[in-house]
Amino acid sequence: MRIGAEHVIVLETPRLRLRHIVPADLDALVELDADPQVMRYISYGEPTSRTRYEQDYLPRFLAYYTATPLLGYWIAETRVDDEFIGWFHLRPDRIDAGEQEIGYRLRHAAWGQGYATELGRALVAHGFERVGAPVISARALRDNAASRRVMEKCGLGHERDFTWPPEVLPGRTAGERAGVKYSLSREAWLRQRA
């Protein structure tokens, strides 16, 4: 990790960087979640309110940096002009203890440029090399073909199908809550690299 002019940079790839979220990022985060296309496979298009970000998400994001410096939520931006493209996370898996989970959310304008794969691969390496994770996982709604392709390009393989509980996606049928889990063990990652 290094400190930029204003931000703590967690990792960099040829085109992108991940840095700590700061309170000044609030407008960009709210705007990201206001796009129905971005939220299609997260909340079926429902935006996240500014109040929810201020009272719940932002404090949780910031708490990671003290509690677990190598894990957390980070702003993704381009290196050439510091353009905000979204966020990524590597955090303890909330369902399967002992695993680390990758997730991301990108602006629609950033889709189709390989950004998710570029940073996803870098986070997999970060998780195994620096965090020491035994397994890295990711989840998505079953019908989210684009996210499934990113998981596969990052080396993760389909582990199982499951159904999100009703409290995660209230008002949705079991079919609409159908999800997939992908994962990769450290041993398999090392074999892929050999």
C-alpha atoms as a PDB file:
ATOM      1  CA  MET A   1       0.000   0.000   0.000  1.00  0.00           C
ATOM      2  CA  ARG A   2       1.162   3.498  -0.692  1.00  0.00           C
ATOM      3  CA  ILE A   3      -0.219   6.927   0.028  1.00  0.00           C
ATOM      4  CA  GLY A   4      -1.099   8.996  -3.037  1.00  0.00           C
ATOM      5  CA  ALA A   5      -1.435  12.755  -3.018  1.00  0.00           C
ATOM      6  CA  GLU A   6      -4.764  12.421  -1.187  1.00  0.00           C
ATOM      7  CA  HIS A   7      -5.549   8.719  -1.056  1.00  0.00           C
ATOM      8  CA  VAL A   8      -4.225   5.401   0.150  1.00  0.00           C
ATOM      9  CA  ILE A   9      -3.635   3.264  -2.939  1.00  0.00           C
ATOM     10  CA  VAL A  10      -4.144  -0.459  -2.348  1.00  0.00           C
ATOM     11  CA  LEU A  11      -3.041  -1.793  -5.726  1.00  0.00           C
ATOM     12  CA  GLU A  12      -2.445  -0.748  -9.298  1.00  0.00           C
ATOM     13  CA  THR A  13      -2.706  -2.490 -12.639  1.00  0.00           C
ATOM     14  CA  PRO A  14      -1.489  -1.146 -15.989  1.00  0.00           C
ATOM     15  CA  ARG A  15      -4.676   0.910 -16.491  1.00  0.00           C
ATOM     16  CA  LEU A  16      -6.358   1.110 -13.095  1.00  0.00           C
ATOM     17  CA  ARG A  17      -5.910   1.588  -9.383  1.00  0.00           C
ATOM     18  CA  LEU A  18      -7.832   0.730  -6.243  1.00  0.00           C
ATOM     19  CA  ARG A  19      -7.732   3.260  -3.429  1.00  0.00           C
ATOM     20  CA  HIS A  20      -9.432   3.788  -0.101  1.00  0.00           C
ATOM     21  CA  ILE A  21     -12.896   5.289  -0.184  1.00  0.00           C
ATOM     22  CA  VAL A  22     -13.127   8.731   1.398  1.00  0.00           C
ATOM     23  CA  PRO A  23     -16.247  10.713   2.417  1.00  0.00           C
ATOM     24  CA  ALA A  24     -15.813  12.939  -0.652  1.00  0.00           C
ATOM     25  CA  ASP A  25     -16.658   9.869  -2.814  1.00  0.00           C
ATOM     26  CA  LEU A  26     -20.247   9.840  -1.556  1.00  0.00           C
ATOM     27  CA  ASP A  27     -21.766  11.623  -4.573  1.00  0.00           C
ATOM     28  CA  ALA A  28     -20.090   9.246  -7.037  1.00  0.00           C
ATOM     29  CA  LEU A  29     -21.232   6.178  -5.068  1.00  0.00           C
ATOM     30  CA  VAL A  30     -24.839   7.390  -4.883  1.00  0.00           C
ATOM     31  CA  GLU A  31     -24.805   8.256  -8.595  1.00  0.00           C
ATOM     32  CA  LEU A  32     -23.448   4.777  -9.424  1.00  0.00           C
ATOM     33  CA  ASP A  33     -26.307   3.093  -7.564  1.00  0.00           C
ATOM     34  CA  ALA A  34     -28.874   5.408  -9.171  1.00  0.00           C
ATOM     35  CA  ASP A  35     -28.303   3.774 -12.575  1.00  0.00           C
ATOM     36  CA  PRO A  36     -30.963   1.064 -13.118  1.00  0.00           C
ATOM     37  CA  GLN A  37     -28.656  -0.789 -15.521  1.00  0.00           C
ATOM     38  CA  VAL A  38     -25.918  -1.000 -12.878  1.00  0.00           C
ATOM     39  CA  MET A  39     -28.404  -2.179 -10.243  1.00  0.00           C
ATOM     40  CA  ARG A  40     -30.257  -4.638 -12.499  1.00  0.00           C
ATOM     41  CA  TYR A  41     -28.649  -7.751 -10.984  1.00  0.00           C
ATOM     42  CA  ILE A  42     -28.185  -6.286  -7.511  1.00  0.00           C
ATOM     43  CA  SER A  43     -31.538  -4.813  -6.536  1.00  0.00           C
ATOM     44  CA  TYR A  44     -33.529  -5.300  -9.737  1.00  0.00           C
ATOM     45  CA  GLY A  45     -32.915  -1.657 -10.623  1.00  0.00           C
ATOM     46  CA  GLU A  46     -33.787  -0.054  -7.279  1.00  0.00           C
ATOM     47  CA  PRO A  47     -31.321   2.719  -6.332  1.00  0.00           C
ATOM     48  CA  THR A  48     -29.518   2.926  -3.014  1.00  0.00           C
ATOM     49  CA  SER A  49     -30.541   6.049  -1.124  1.00  0.00           C
ATOM     50  CA  ARG A  50     -28.040   8.698  -0.120  1.00  0.00           C
ATOM     51  CA  THR A  51     -29.183   8.249   3.485  1.00  0.00           C
ATOM     52  CA  ARG A  52     -28.376   4.513   3.346  1.00  0.00           C
ATOM     53  CA  TYR A  53     -24.905   5.319   2.060  1.00  0.00           C
ATOM     54  CA  GLU A  54     -24.331   7.994   4.720  1.00  0.00           C
ATOM     55  CA  GLN A  55     -25.644   5.971   7.658  1.00  0.00           C
ATOM     56  CA  ASP A  56     -24.787   2.375   6.731  1.00  0.00           C
ATOM     57  CA  TYR A  57     -22.467   1.759   3.793  1.00  0.00           C
ATOM     58  CA  LEU A  58     -19.894   4.532   4.083  1.00  0.00           C
ATOM     59  CA  PRO A  59     -19.194   3.943   7.804  1.00  0.00           C
ATOM     60  CA  ARG A  60     -18.870   0.201   7.124  1.00  0.00           C
ATOM     61  CA  PHE A  61     -16.511   0.778   4.205  1.00  0.00           C
ATOM     62  CA  LEU A  62     -14.293   3.113   6.240  1.00  0.00           C
ATOM     63  CA  ALA A  63     -14.209   0.750   9.245  1.00  0.00           C
ATOM     64  CA  TYR A  64     -12.442  -1.918   7.184  1.00  0.00           C
ATOM     65  CA  TYR A  65      -9.289   0.164   6.814  1.00  0.00           C
ATOM     66  CA  THR A  66      -8.593   0.108  10.544  1.00  0.00           C
ATOM     67  CA  ALA A  67      -9.868  -3.372  11.349  1.00  0.00           C
ATOM     68  CA  THR A  68      -8.426  -5.264   8.362  1.00  0.00           C
ATOM     69  CA  PRO A  69      -6.043  -3.073   6.336  1.00  0.00           C
ATOM     70  CA  LEU A  70      -5.602  -5.594   3.487  1.00  0.00           C
ATOM     71  CA  LEU A  71      -9.345  -6.143   3.076  1.00  0.00           C
ATOM     72  CA  GLY A  72     -12.224  -3.816   2.356  1.00  0.00           C
ATOM     73  CA  TYR A  73     -14.029  -1.762  -0.245  1.00  0.00           C
ATOM     74  CA  TRP A  74     -12.071   0.454  -2.616  1.00  0.00           C
ATOM     75  CA  ILE A  75     -12.723   3.038  -5.289  1.00  0.00           C
ATOM     76  CA  ALA A  76     -11.687   1.896  -8.773  1.00  0.00           C
ATOM     77  CA  GLU A  77     -10.340   4.625 -11.006  1.00  0.00           C
ATOM     78  CA  THR A  78      -8.287   5.006 -14.149  1.00  0.00           C
ATOM     79  CA  ARG A  79      -4.603   5.789 -13.692  1.00  0.00           C
ATOM     80  CA  VAL A  80      -4.374   8.148 -16.643  1.00  0.00           C
ATOM     81  CA  ASP A  81      -6.981  10.668 -15.438  1.00  0.00           C
ATOM     82  CA  ASP A  82      -8.295   9.448 -12.033  1.00  0.00           C
ATOM     83  CA  GLU A  83     -11.740   8.804 -13.544  1.00  0.00           C
ATOM     84  CA  PHE A  84     -14.126   7.035 -11.140  1.00  0.00           C
ATOM     85  CA  ILE A  85     -15.302   3.761 -12.675  1.00  0.00           C
ATOM     86  CA  GLY A  86     -16.845   2.081  -9.617  1.00  0.00           C
ATOM     87  CA  TRP A  87     -15.740   0.059  -6.624  1.00  0.00           C
ATOM     88  CA  PHE A  88     -14.379  -3.384  -5.728  1.00  0.00           C
ATOM     89  CA  HIS A  89     -14.220  -5.323  -2.521  1.00  0.00           C
ATOM     90  CA  LEU A  90     -12.306  -8.201  -0.997  1.00  0.00           C
ATOM     91  CA  ARG A  91     -13.876  -9.049   2.329  1.00  0.00           C
ATOM     92  CA  PRO A  92     -14.567 -12.034   4.556  1.00  0.00           C
ATOM     93  CA  ASP A  93     -17.233 -14.178   2.927  1.00  0.00           C
ATOM     94  CA  ARG A  94     -20.502 -13.611   4.793  1.00  0.00           C
ATOM     95  CA  ILE A  95     -21.779 -17.134   4.091  1.00  0.00           C
ATOM     96  CA  ASP A  96     -18.763 -19.457   4.034  1.00  0.00           C
ATOM     97  CA  ALA A  97     -16.409 -18.771   6.947  1.00  0.00           C
ATOM     98  CA  GLY A  98     -12.708 -18.753   6.190  1.00  0.00           C
ATOM     99  CA  GLU A  99     -13.102 -17.613   2.580  1.00  0.00           C
ATOM    100  CA  GLN A 100     -12.584 -14.152   1.112  1.00  0.00           C
ATOM    101  CA  GLU A 101     -15.184 -12.804  -1.303  1.00  0.00           C
ATOM    102  CA  ILE A 102     -14.600 -10.562  -4.317  1.00  0.00           C
ATOM    103  CA  GLY A 103     -17.285  -8.194  -5.536  1.00  0.00           C
ATOM    104  CA  TYR A 104     -17.521  -5.100  -7.675  1.00  0.00           C
ATOM    105  CA  ARG A 105     -19.847  -2.513  -9.161  1.00  0.00           C
ATOM    106  CA  LEU A 106     -18.910  -0.541 -12.274  1.00  0.00           C
ATOM    107  CA  ARG A 107     -20.434   2.445 -14.038  1.00  0.00           C
ATOM    108  CA  HIS A 108     -22.241   1.449 -17.210  1.00  0.00           C
ATOM    109  CA  ALA A 109     -19.792   3.550 -19.254  1.00  0.00           C
ATOM    110  CA  ALA A 110     -16.949   1.337 -17.960  1.00  0.00           C
ATOM    111  CA  TRP A 111     -18.522  -1.957 -19.067  1.00  0.00           C
ATOM    112  CA  GLY A 112     -16.978  -3.990 -21.855  1.00  0.00           C
ATOM    113  CA  GLN A 113     -13.454  -2.623 -21.441  1.00  0.00           C
ATOM    114  CA  GLY A 114     -11.982  -5.491 -19.426  1.00  0.00           C
ATOM    115  CA  TYR A 115     -11.782  -3.431 -16.238  1.00  0.00           C
ATOM    116  CA  ALA A 116     -13.621  -5.958 -14.061  1.00  0.00           C
ATOM    117  CA  THR A 117     -11.328  -8.768 -15.189  1.00  0.00           C
ATOM    118  CA  GLU A 118      -8.169  -6.661 -14.849  1.00  0.00           C
ATOM    119  CA  LEU A 119      -8.900  -5.615 -11.280  1.00  0.00           C
ATOM    120  CA  GLY A 120     -10.532  -8.947 -10.400  1.00  0.00           C
ATOM    121  CA  ARG A 121      -7.354 -10.848 -11.314  1.00  0.00           C
ATOM    122  CA  ALA A 122      -5.254  -8.356  -9.371  1.00  0.00           C
ATOM    123  CA  LEU A 123      -7.502  -8.823  -6.320  1.00  0.00           C
ATOM    124  CA  VAL A 124      -7.269 -12.614  -6.585  1.00  0.00           C
ATOM    125  CA  ALA A 125      -3.471 -12.317  -6.527  1.00  0.00           C
ATOM    126  CA  HIS A 126      -3.697  -9.822  -3.645  1.00  0.00           C
ATOM    127  CA  GLY A 127      -5.965 -12.177  -1.726  1.00  0.00           C
ATOM    128  CA  PHE A 128      -3.688 -15.171  -2.075  1.00  0.00           C
ATOM    129  CA  GLU A 129      -0.290 -13.451  -1.883  1.00  0.00           C
ATOM    130  CA  ARG A 130      -0.833 -10.680   0.655  1.00  0.00           C
ATOM    131  CA  VAL A 131      -3.947 -11.690   2.601  1.00  0.00           C
ATOM    132  CA  GLY A 132      -3.148 -15.414   2.700  1.00  0.00           C
ATOM    133  CA  ALA A 133      -6.692 -16.471   1.799  1.00  0.00           C
ATOM    134  CA  PRO A 134      -7.174 -20.233   1.392  1.00  0.00           C
ATOM    135  CA  VAL A 135     -10.204 -19.711  -0.896  1.00  0.00           C
ATOM    136  CA  ILE A 136     -11.541 -16.727  -2.828  1.00  0.00           C
ATOM    137  CA  SER A 137     -15.203 -16.746  -3.810  1.00  0.00           C
ATOM    138  CA  ALA A 138     -17.718 -14.629  -5.688  1.00  0.00           C
ATOM    139  CA  ARG A 139     -21.491 -14.757  -6.060  1.00  0.00           C
ATOM    140  CA  ALA A 140     -23.979 -13.414  -8.567  1.00  0.00           C
ATOM    141  CA  LEU A 141     -27.546 -13.877  -9.632  1.00  0.00           C
ATOM    142  CA  ARG A 142     -27.767 -16.890 -11.952  1.00  0.00           C
ATOM    143  CA  ASP A 143     -28.840 -14.803 -14.955  1.00  0.00           C
ATOM    144  CA  ASN A 144     -25.948 -12.327 -14.667  1.00  0.00           C
ATOM    145  CA  ALA A 145     -23.929 -13.810 -17.528  1.00  0.00           C
ATOM    146  CA  ALA A 146     -21.450 -10.896 -17.660  1.00  0.00           C
ATOM    147  CA  SER A 147     -20.427 -11.314 -14.011  1.00  0.00           C
ATOM    148  CA  ARG A 148     -20.152 -15.064 -14.450  1.00  0.00           C
ATOM    149  CA  ARG A 149     -17.756 -14.543 -17.378  1.00  0.00           C
ATOM    150  CA  VAL A 150     -15.634 -12.189 -15.267  1.00  0.00           C
ATOM    151  CA  MET A 151     -15.445 -14.782 -12.485  1.00  0.00           C
ATOM    152  CA  GLU A 152     -14.293 -17.397 -14.985  1.00  0.00           C
ATOM    153  CA  LYS A 153     -11.704 -15.046 -16.530  1.00  0.00           C
ATOM    154  CA  CYS A 154     -10.352 -14.445 -13.026  1.00  0.00           C
ATOM    155  CA  GLY A 155      -9.829 -18.203 -12.632  1.00  0.00           C
ATOM    156  CA  LEU A 156     -12.814 -18.964 -10.415  1.00  0.00           C
ATOM    157  CA  GLY A 157     -14.925 -22.015 -11.216  1.00  0.00           C
ATOM    158  CA  HIS A 158     -18.602 -22.742 -10.639  1.00  0.00           C
ATOM    159  CA  GLU A 159     -18.960 -24.301  -7.204  1.00  0.00           C
ATOM    160  CA  ARG A 160     -22.707 -24.472  -6.699  1.00  0.00           C
ATOM    161  CA  ASP A 161     -26.134 -23.016  -7.353  1.00  0.00           C
ATOM    162  CA  PHE A 162     -28.124 -21.583  -4.456  1.00  0.00           C
ATOM    163  CA  THR A 163     -31.087 -19.332  -3.714  1.00  0.00           C
ATOM    164  CA  TRP A 164     -30.624 -16.008  -1.938  1.00  0.00           C
ATOM    165  CA  PRO A 165     -32.879 -15.808   1.146  1.00  0.00           C
ATOM    166  CA  PRO A 166     -36.035 -13.656   0.855  1.00  0.00           C
ATOM    167  CA  GLU A 167     -34.624 -11.001   3.222  1.00  0.00           C
ATOM    168  CA  VAL A 168     -31.768 -10.338   0.783  1.00  0.00           C
ATOM    169  CA  LEU A 169     -34.102  -9.743  -2.187  1.00  0.00           C
ATOM    170  CA  PRO A 170     -37.508  -9.058  -0.651  1.00  0.00           C
ATOM    171  CA  GLY A 171     -40.556  -9.426  -2.853  1.00  0.00           C
ATOM    172  CA  ARG A 172     -38.752 -11.639  -5.370  1.00  0.00           C
ATOM    173  CA  THR A 173     -39.648 -15.200  -6.316  1.00  0.00           C
ATOM    174  CA  ALA A 174     -37.261 -18.078  -5.655  1.00  0.00           C
ATOM    175  CA  GLY A 175     -36.411 -18.088  -9.368  1.00  0.00           C
ATOM    176  CA  GLU A 176     -35.530 -14.394  -9.250  1.00  0.00           C
ATOM    177  CA  ARG A 177     -33.332 -15.066  -6.206  1.00  0.00           C
ATOM    178  CA  ALA A 178     -31.446 -17.939  -7.896  1.00  0.00           C
ATOM    179  CA  GLY A 179     -27.714 -17.422  -7.522  1.00  0.00           C
ATOM    180  CA  VAL A 180     -24.391 -19.027  -8.325  1.00  0.00           C
ATOM    181  CA  LYS A 181     -21.222 -19.286  -6.290  1.00  0.00           C
ATOM    182  CA  TYR A 182     -17.805 -19.444  -7.935  1.00  0.00           C
ATOM    183  CA  SER A 183     -14.581 -20.115  -6.057  1.00  0.00           C
ATOM    184  CA  LEU A 184     -10.856 -20.742  -6.371  1.00  0.00           C
ATOM    185  CA  SER A 185      -8.508 -22.336  -3.855  1.00  0.00           C
ATOM    186  CA  ARG A 186      -4.981 -21.104  -3.314  1.00  0.00           C
ATOM    187  CA  GLU A 187      -3.646 -24.473  -4.493  1.00  0.00           C
ATOM    188  CA  ALA A 188      -5.631 -24.298  -7.749  1.00  0.00           C
ATOM    189  CA  TRP A 189      -4.503 -20.700  -8.293  1.00  0.00           C
ATOM    190  CA  LEU A 190      -0.862 -21.725  -7.886  1.00  0.00           C
ATOM    191  CA  ARG A 191      -1.385 -24.548 -10.413  1.00  0.00           C
ATOM    192  CA  GLN A 192      -2.963 -22.078 -12.870  1.00  0.00           C
ATOM    193  CA  ARG A 193       0.102 -19.830 -12.579  1.00  0.00           C
ATOM    194  CA  ALA A 194       2.627 -22.670 -13.036  1.00  0.00           C
END
